[in-house]
Protein backbone atom coordinates (compact mmCIF):
# COMPACT_ATOMS: atom_id res chain seq x y z
CA MET A 1 104.54 -220.07 30.06
CA GLU A 2 107.29 -218.14 30.42
CA LEU A 3 107.76 -214.36 29.16
CA ASP A 4 111.11 -213.75 28.08
CA LEU A 5 110.98 -210.04 26.77
CA ALA A 6 114.26 -208.95 24.80
CA ALA A 7 115.21 -204.92 25.88
CA ALA A 8 113.16 -203.05 23.02
CA GLU A 9 110.04 -205.02 23.64
CA LEU A 10 110.52 -204.60 27.24
CA LYS A 11 110.64 -200.90 27.08
CA ALA A 12 108.01 -200.77 24.58
CA VAL A 13 105.38 -202.77 26.78
CA LEU A 14 106.65 -201.00 29.50
CA ASN A 15 105.95 -197.09 28.11
CA ARG A 16 102.72 -198.67 27.03
CA LEU A 17 101.78 -199.40 30.76
CA ARG A 18 102.96 -196.16 32.01
CA ARG A 19 101.26 -194.25 29.61
CA ALA A 20 97.97 -196.17 30.91
CA GLN A 21 99.09 -195.80 34.57
CA GLY A 22 98.91 -192.00 33.43
CA GLN A 23 95.85 -191.93 32.04
CA ILE A 24 94.16 -193.77 34.65
CA SER A 25 95.49 -191.09 37.22
CA GLY A 26 94.11 -188.08 34.87
CA VAL A 27 90.70 -189.97 34.99
CA ILE A 28 90.68 -190.25 38.87
CA ARG A 29 91.54 -186.89 38.86
CA MET A 30 89.13 -185.85 36.48
CA ILE A 31 86.21 -187.29 38.23
CA GLU A 32 87.59 -185.36 41.48
CA GLU A 33 87.24 -182.35 39.86
CA GLY A 34 83.62 -183.02 38.62
CA ARG A 35 85.01 -182.88 34.63
CA ASP A 36 82.96 -183.03 31.68
CA CYS A 37 81.48 -186.56 31.20
CA GLU A 38 82.68 -186.51 27.19
CA GLU A 39 86.27 -185.69 28.83
CA VAL A 40 86.64 -188.50 31.09
CA VAL A 41 85.26 -190.99 28.95
CA THR A 42 87.67 -189.80 26.29
CA GLN A 43 90.24 -190.20 28.48
CA LEU A 44 89.18 -193.78 29.95
CA ALA A 45 89.35 -195.05 26.31
CA ALA A 46 92.83 -194.05 25.67
CA ALA A 47 94.01 -195.50 28.71
CA SER A 48 91.85 -198.83 27.82
CA ARG A 49 93.69 -198.73 24.36
CA ALA A 50 97.10 -198.36 25.50
CA LEU A 51 96.37 -201.44 28.04
CA ASP A 52 95.27 -203.27 25.20
CA ARG A 53 97.84 -202.30 23.26
CA ALA A 54 100.68 -203.58 25.71
CA GLY A 55 98.35 -206.84 26.43
CA PHE A 56 98.67 -207.93 22.35
CA ALA A 57 102.51 -207.11 22.34
CA ILE A 58 102.86 -209.66 24.96
CA ILE A 59 100.73 -212.11 23.38
CA ALA A 60 102.81 -211.15 20.12
CA THR A 61 105.60 -211.64 22.21
CA GLY A 62 104.89 -215.27 23.41
CA LEU A 63 103.29 -216.52 20.15
CA GLN A 64 106.97 -215.74 18.79
CA GLN A 65 108.84 -216.97 21.24
CA CYS A 66 106.84 -220.60 20.75
CA LEU A 67 107.23 -220.79 17.00
CA THR A 68 110.89 -220.04 17.52
CA GLU A 69 111.57 -222.68 20.24
CA VAL A 70 109.68 -225.54 18.04
CA GLU A 71 112.02 -224.11 15.03
CA ASN A 72 115.09 -224.57 17.39
CA GLY A 73 113.47 -228.08 18.43
CA SER A 74 113.05 -226.96 22.45
CA ARG A 75 109.29 -227.53 21.89
CA THR A 76 107.31 -230.17 20.00
CA PRO A 77 104.73 -229.42 17.77
CA GLU A 78 102.22 -230.87 20.04
CA ASP A 79 103.73 -228.31 22.77
CA ARG A 80 103.28 -225.92 20.10
CA ASP A 81 99.62 -226.54 19.58
CA GLU A 82 99.23 -226.20 23.52
CA MET A 83 100.70 -222.94 23.52
CA ARG A 84 98.95 -221.47 20.46
CA GLY A 85 95.56 -222.55 22.45
CA ARG A 86 96.58 -220.97 25.55
CA LEU A 87 97.68 -217.62 23.52
CA GLU A 88 94.44 -217.86 21.59
CA LYS A 89 92.48 -217.55 24.82
CA LEU A 90 94.75 -214.65 26.08
CA PHE A 91 94.33 -212.75 23.00
CA LEU A 92 90.39 -213.29 22.93
CA SER A 93 90.45 -211.91 26.50
CA LEU A 94 91.64 -208.73 25.21
CA ALA A 95 89.24 -208.76 22.50
């Protein structure tokens, strides 16, 4: 399955991933500085949410692409069913 993200979708996913990267760097710094456990966990939860959102955006784009390809005839309904199963498995891996 090849992922073809439009410029706007790509920018949104990359922004979420960069946000998570910054949050993870912050978590590492906080741990190294011996910061409060609650603050560290709060920051870690924010990073986790940002990663989840990026993953869901990628899966949603894959699903949209698959449906578009079926509508324009470049995928058969059987291909669509196989792709749906793969995307569902990816979705559940994030849940």
